Amino acid sequence: MKRRLSSLTALFVIACSSVPSNVRLPSILRVVEPYSDSPLVAAYNGEVHIEGTVSTDGRLYDARVTSNVIPEIEQAALEAAQEYMFRPGTIDGHPEEMRFRFTVKFTRKTFL
């Protein structure tokens, strides 16, 4: 008989390099491109690393930036990340809240 893992155990599992076969990590279903009126953000070409909790309904909360970027870019990345949609992680086929790390990509916008 398989024993169901607690959410705290699931957090530990995510931090480890191997994931038990009964655990499925969250995955991104919908990506939203970051946007800002700031020319600085529009000119940025790179990545921002985000960590947050994916709820059982696929929404992100308690998100924070884990990379070192200027505040305007950080804010644009967090706003975009809040609009992402996720497939929740599961343990033994049951949706569970899990911490998740992912990257928001910025592509430089050129103005003609």
N, C-alpha and C. Protein backbone atom coordinates (compact mmCIF):
# COMPACT_ATOMS: atom_id res chain seq x y z
N MET A 1 0.84 -1.18 0.00
CA MET A 1 0.00 0.00 0.00
C MET A 1 0.89 1.24 0.00
N LYS A 2 0.60 2.16 -0.91
CA LYS A 2 1.37 3.40 -0.97
C LYS A 2 0.85 4.37 0.07
N ARG A 3 1.79 5.05 0.72
CA ARG A 3 1.42 6.04 1.72
C ARG A 3 1.48 7.42 1.07
N ARG A 4 0.47 8.23 1.29
CA ARG A 4 0.41 9.57 0.73
C ARG A 4 1.40 10.48 1.45
N LEU A 5 2.18 11.25 0.68
CA LEU A 5 3.15 12.17 1.25
C LEU A 5 2.48 13.47 1.66
N SER A 6 2.97 14.07 2.71
CA SER A 6 2.44 15.37 3.11
C SER A 6 2.98 16.46 2.20
N SER A 7 2.37 17.63 2.21
CA SER A 7 2.84 18.75 1.39
C SER A 7 4.26 19.14 1.75
N LEU A 8 4.60 19.06 3.05
CA LEU A 8 5.95 19.39 3.48
C LEU A 8 6.95 18.42 2.86
N THR A 9 6.60 17.15 2.81
CA THR A 9 7.46 16.17 2.17
C THR A 9 7.58 16.47 0.69
N ALA A 10 6.48 16.90 0.07
CA ALA A 10 6.51 17.24 -1.35
C ALA A 10 7.47 18.38 -1.61
N LEU A 11 7.54 19.35 -0.71
CA LEU A 11 8.49 20.45 -0.87
C LEU A 11 9.91 19.93 -0.83
N PHE A 12 10.18 19.00 0.06
CA PHE A 12 11.50 18.41 0.16
C PHE A 12 11.84 17.63 -1.11
N VAL A 13 10.88 16.90 -1.63
CA VAL A 13 11.08 16.10 -2.83
C VAL A 13 11.47 16.98 -4.01
N ILE A 14 10.83 18.15 -4.13
CA ILE A 14 11.12 19.05 -5.23
C ILE A 14 12.57 19.53 -5.16
N ALA A 15 13.09 19.70 -3.96
CA ALA A 15 14.46 20.18 -3.80
C ALA A 15 15.48 19.09 -4.11
N CYS A 16 15.07 17.85 -4.10
CA CYS A 16 15.99 16.74 -4.36
C CYS A 16 16.15 16.52 -5.86
N SER A 17 17.21 15.81 -6.22
CA SER A 17 17.47 15.58 -7.63
C SER A 17 16.59 14.49 -8.22
N SER A 18 16.10 13.57 -7.41
CA SER A 18 15.22 12.53 -7.94
C SER A 18 13.84 12.65 -7.30
N VAL A 19 12.84 12.37 -8.09
CA VAL A 19 11.46 12.50 -7.63
C VAL A 19 10.85 11.11 -7.64
N PRO A 20 10.20 10.71 -6.53
CA PRO A 20 9.55 9.39 -6.50
C PRO A 20 8.54 9.24 -7.63
N SER A 21 8.30 8.03 -8.04
CA SER A 21 7.41 7.77 -9.18
C SER A 21 5.96 8.17 -8.90
N ASN A 22 5.57 8.30 -7.63
CA ASN A 22 4.19 8.67 -7.32
C ASN A 22 4.00 10.19 -7.25
N VAL A 23 5.06 10.96 -7.54
CA VAL A 23 4.99 12.43 -7.49
C VAL A 23 5.15 12.98 -8.90
N ARG A 24 4.22 13.84 -9.31
CA ARG A 24 4.33 14.56 -10.58
C ARG A 24 4.44 16.03 -10.25
N LEU A 25 5.52 16.66 -10.71
CA LEU A 25 5.76 18.08 -10.43
C LEU A 25 4.81 18.95 -11.26
N PRO A 26 4.57 20.19 -10.81
CA PRO A 26 3.75 21.10 -11.62
C PRO A 26 4.40 21.34 -12.98
N SER A 27 3.58 21.72 -13.94
CA SER A 27 4.10 22.09 -15.26
C SER A 27 3.34 23.31 -15.76
N ILE A 28 3.98 24.06 -16.64
CA ILE A 28 3.39 25.29 -17.17
C ILE A 28 2.49 24.95 -18.35
N LEU A 29 1.25 25.41 -18.30
CA LEU A 29 0.29 25.21 -19.38
C LEU A 29 0.16 26.44 -20.27
N ARG A 30 0.25 27.64 -19.66
CA ARG A 30 0.09 28.88 -20.42
C ARG A 30 1.14 29.88 -19.96
N VAL A 31 1.85 30.44 -20.94
CA VAL A 31 2.89 31.44 -20.68
C VAL A 31 2.36 32.80 -21.13
N VAL A 32 2.63 33.83 -20.35
CA VAL A 32 2.27 35.20 -20.69
C VAL A 32 3.55 36.00 -20.84
N GLU A 33 3.68 36.70 -21.96
CA GLU A 33 4.87 37.50 -22.21
C GLU A 33 4.90 38.71 -21.27
N PRO A 34 6.05 38.96 -20.64
CA PRO A 34 6.13 40.13 -19.75
C PRO A 34 5.94 41.43 -20.53
N TYR A 35 5.30 42.40 -19.89
CA TYR A 35 5.04 43.68 -20.54
C TYR A 35 5.20 44.81 -19.53
N SER A 36 5.71 45.92 -20.02
CA SER A 36 5.79 47.15 -19.21
C SER A 36 5.89 48.32 -20.17
N ASP A 37 5.43 49.48 -19.74
CA ASP A 37 5.59 50.69 -20.54
C ASP A 37 7.03 51.22 -20.47
N SER A 38 7.80 50.68 -19.57
CA SER A 38 9.17 51.14 -19.36
C SER A 38 10.08 50.76 -20.53
N PRO A 39 10.80 51.74 -21.10
CA PRO A 39 11.76 51.43 -22.16
C PRO A 39 12.88 50.51 -21.66
N LEU A 40 13.20 50.60 -20.40
CA LEU A 40 14.22 49.75 -19.80
C LEU A 40 13.80 48.28 -19.86
N VAL A 41 12.55 48.01 -19.52
CA VAL A 41 12.04 46.64 -19.58
C VAL A 41 11.94 46.17 -21.02
N ALA A 42 11.49 47.05 -21.91
CA ALA A 42 11.37 46.70 -23.33
C ALA A 42 12.72 46.37 -23.95
N ALA A 43 13.77 46.96 -23.43
CA ALA A 43 15.11 46.74 -23.98
C ALA A 43 15.81 45.52 -23.36
N TYR A 44 15.23 44.96 -22.30
CA TYR A 44 15.88 43.85 -21.59
C TYR A 44 15.74 42.56 -22.38
N ASN A 45 16.84 41.86 -22.53
CA ASN A 45 16.86 40.58 -23.22
C ASN A 45 17.52 39.58 -22.27
N GLY A 46 16.73 38.74 -21.63
CA GLY A 46 17.30 37.80 -20.68
C GLY A 46 16.22 37.03 -19.95
N GLU A 47 16.61 36.43 -18.83
CA GLU A 47 15.72 35.59 -18.06
C GLU A 47 15.64 36.07 -16.61
N VAL A 48 14.48 35.82 -16.00
CA VAL A 48 14.29 36.10 -14.59
C VAL A 48 13.77 34.81 -13.96
N HIS A 49 14.42 34.39 -12.89
CA HIS A 49 14.04 33.15 -12.21
C HIS A 49 13.02 33.45 -11.12
N ILE A 50 11.93 32.68 -11.13
CA ILE A 50 10.81 32.86 -10.21
C ILE A 50 10.62 31.58 -9.40
N GLU A 51 10.25 31.75 -8.15
CA GLU A 51 9.85 30.62 -7.32
C GLU A 51 8.53 30.98 -6.67
N GLY A 52 7.59 30.05 -6.69
CA GLY A 52 6.29 30.30 -6.08
C GLY A 52 5.59 29.00 -5.79
N THR A 53 4.39 29.11 -5.24
CA THR A 53 3.59 27.93 -4.93
C THR A 53 2.49 27.80 -5.96
N VAL A 54 2.39 26.61 -6.55
CA VAL A 54 1.32 26.31 -7.49
C VAL A 54 0.21 25.64 -6.70
N SER A 55 -0.97 26.26 -6.73
CA SER A 55 -2.11 25.73 -5.98
C SER A 55 -2.73 24.55 -6.71
N THR A 56 -3.68 23.91 -6.05
CA THR A 56 -4.33 22.75 -6.66
C THR A 56 -5.21 23.13 -7.85
N ASP A 57 -5.53 24.42 -8.00
CA ASP A 57 -6.31 24.85 -9.17
C ASP A 57 -5.42 25.42 -10.28
N GLY A 58 -4.09 25.31 -10.13
CA GLY A 58 -3.16 25.71 -11.19
C GLY A 58 -2.75 27.16 -11.18
N ARG A 59 -3.05 27.87 -10.12
CA ARG A 59 -2.66 29.28 -10.03
C ARG A 59 -1.42 29.42 -9.16
N LEU A 60 -0.65 30.49 -9.45
CA LEU A 60 0.59 30.75 -8.72
C LEU A 60 0.33 31.77 -7.62
N TYR A 61 0.87 31.53 -6.46
CA TYR A 61 0.84 32.54 -5.39
C TYR A 61 2.14 32.48 -4.60
N ASP A 62 2.35 33.46 -3.76
CA ASP A 62 3.54 33.53 -2.92
C ASP A 62 4.81 33.50 -3.78
N ALA A 63 4.76 34.19 -4.93
CA ALA A 63 5.88 34.17 -5.86
C ALA A 63 6.93 35.22 -5.50
N ARG A 64 8.18 34.89 -5.80
CA ARG A 64 9.28 35.82 -5.58
C ARG A 64 10.33 35.60 -6.65
N VAL A 65 11.10 36.64 -6.92
CA VAL A 65 12.19 36.57 -7.88
C VAL A 65 13.42 36.04 -7.16
N THR A 66 14.10 35.07 -7.76
CA THR A 66 15.29 34.50 -7.13
C THR A 66 16.57 34.89 -7.87
N SER A 67 16.45 35.66 -8.95
CA SER A 67 17.64 36.14 -9.67
C SER A 67 17.84 37.62 -9.37
N ASN A 68 19.01 38.11 -9.66
CA ASN A 68 19.37 39.48 -9.35
C ASN A 68 19.10 40.38 -10.56
N VAL A 69 17.98 41.12 -10.53
CA VAL A 69 17.62 42.03 -11.62
C VAL A 69 17.13 43.34 -11.01
N ILE A 70 17.02 44.36 -11.85
CA ILE A 70 16.54 45.66 -11.35
C ILE A 70 15.04 45.57 -11.03
N PRO A 71 14.55 46.41 -10.12
CA PRO A 71 13.15 46.32 -9.67
C PRO A 71 12.10 46.39 -10.78
N GLU A 72 12.31 47.20 -11.81
CA GLU A 72 11.31 47.30 -12.89
C GLU A 72 11.16 45.98 -13.63
N ILE A 73 12.27 45.31 -13.87
CA ILE A 73 12.23 44.02 -14.57
C ILE A 73 11.64 42.95 -13.65
N GLU A 74 12.02 43.00 -12.39
CA GLU A 74 11.47 42.07 -11.39
C GLU A 74 9.95 42.17 -11.34
N GLN A 75 9.45 43.40 -11.30
CA GLN A 75 8.00 43.62 -11.23
C GLN A 75 7.29 43.10 -12.48
N ALA A 76 7.86 43.38 -13.65
CA ALA A 76 7.25 42.90 -14.90
C ALA A 76 7.23 41.37 -14.94
N ALA A 77 8.29 40.73 -14.45
CA ALA A 77 8.37 39.27 -14.43
C ALA A 77 7.32 38.69 -13.47
N LEU A 78 7.18 39.29 -12.29
CA LEU A 78 6.19 38.81 -11.33
C LEU A 78 4.77 38.98 -11.84
N GLU A 79 4.49 40.11 -12.50
CA GLU A 79 3.15 40.33 -13.05
C GLU A 79 2.84 39.32 -14.15
N ALA A 80 3.82 39.03 -15.00
CA ALA A 80 3.60 38.02 -16.05
C ALA A 80 3.40 36.65 -15.42
N ALA A 81 4.22 36.31 -14.43
CA ALA A 81 4.14 34.99 -13.79
C ALA A 81 2.79 34.77 -13.13
N GLN A 82 2.19 35.82 -12.59
CA GLN A 82 0.87 35.69 -11.95
C GLN A 82 -0.21 35.31 -12.96
N GLU A 83 0.03 35.58 -14.25
CA GLU A 83 -0.93 35.25 -15.30
C GLU A 83 -0.69 33.87 -15.92
N TYR A 84 0.42 33.24 -15.58
CA TYR A 84 0.68 31.88 -16.07
C TYR A 84 -0.39 30.94 -15.53
N MET A 85 -0.62 29.85 -16.26
CA MET A 85 -1.51 28.79 -15.78
C MET A 85 -0.68 27.52 -15.70
N PHE A 86 -0.87 26.77 -14.63
CA PHE A 86 -0.07 25.59 -14.37
C PHE A 86 -0.94 24.35 -14.24
N ARG A 87 -0.37 23.21 -14.57
CA ARG A 87 -0.97 21.93 -14.20
C ARG A 87 -0.43 21.65 -12.80
N PRO A 88 -1.29 21.48 -11.80
CA PRO A 88 -0.78 21.29 -10.44
C PRO A 88 0.01 19.99 -10.32
N GLY A 89 0.92 19.99 -9.37
CA GLY A 89 1.64 18.76 -9.06
C GLY A 89 0.70 17.79 -8.37
N THR A 90 1.04 16.52 -8.45
CA THR A 90 0.21 15.50 -7.80
C THR A 90 1.08 14.54 -7.01
N ILE A 91 0.46 13.97 -6.00
CA ILE A 91 1.05 12.88 -5.23
C ILE A 91 0.02 11.76 -5.24
N ASP A 92 0.42 10.62 -5.73
CA ASP A 92 -0.49 9.48 -5.89
C ASP A 92 -1.74 9.86 -6.68
N GLY A 93 -1.58 10.76 -7.66
CA GLY A 93 -2.69 11.16 -8.52
C GLY A 93 -3.59 12.23 -7.94
N HIS A 94 -3.32 12.70 -6.72
CA HIS A 94 -4.13 13.73 -6.08
C HIS A 94 -3.42 15.07 -6.17
N PRO A 95 -4.08 16.14 -6.66
CA PRO A 95 -3.44 17.46 -6.74
C PRO A 95 -2.97 17.93 -5.36
N GLU A 96 -1.78 18.49 -5.33
CA GLU A 96 -1.19 19.02 -4.10
C GLU A 96 -0.55 20.37 -4.40
N GLU A 97 -0.59 21.29 -3.44
CA GLU A 97 0.16 22.53 -3.58
C GLU A 97 1.64 22.19 -3.51
N MET A 98 2.42 22.80 -4.41
CA MET A 98 3.86 22.55 -4.42
C MET A 98 4.61 23.81 -4.79
N ARG A 99 5.78 23.98 -4.20
CA ARG A 99 6.68 25.05 -4.61
C ARG A 99 7.24 24.66 -5.97
N PHE A 100 7.45 25.68 -6.82
CA PHE A 100 7.89 25.41 -8.18
C PHE A 100 8.80 26.53 -8.63
N ARG A 101 9.87 26.20 -9.31
CA ARG A 101 10.80 27.19 -9.86
C ARG A 101 10.71 27.15 -11.38
N PHE A 102 10.69 28.34 -11.97
CA PHE A 102 10.64 28.43 -13.44
C PHE A 102 11.26 29.75 -13.87
N THR A 103 11.35 29.94 -15.17
CA THR A 103 12.01 31.11 -15.74
C THR A 103 11.03 31.90 -16.60
N VAL A 104 11.03 33.23 -16.41
CA VAL A 104 10.28 34.14 -17.29
C VAL A 104 11.30 34.73 -18.25
N LYS A 105 11.05 34.58 -19.55
CA LYS A 105 11.99 35.05 -20.56
C LYS A 105 11.55 36.38 -21.14
N PHE A 106 12.51 37.28 -21.24
CA PHE A 106 12.28 38.59 -21.85
C PHE A 106 12.98 38.62 -23.19
N THR A 107 12.30 39.14 -24.19
CA THR A 107 12.88 39.32 -25.52
C THR A 107 12.89 40.81 -25.82
N ARG A 108 14.03 41.31 -26.20
CA ARG A 108 14.16 42.74 -26.47
C ARG A 108 13.18 43.16 -27.56
N LYS A 109 12.50 44.27 -27.30
CA LYS A 109 11.56 44.84 -28.28
C LYS A 109 12.29 45.94 -29.04
N THR A 110 12.16 45.95 -30.35
CA THR A 110 12.78 47.01 -31.13
C THR A 110 11.68 47.95 -31.62
N PHE A 111 11.98 49.23 -31.56
CA PHE A 111 11.01 50.25 -31.98
C PHE A 111 11.44 50.81 -33.33
N LEU A 112 10.50 50.84 -34.25
CA LEU A 112 10.80 51.37 -35.58
C LEU A 112 10.29 52.78 -35.73
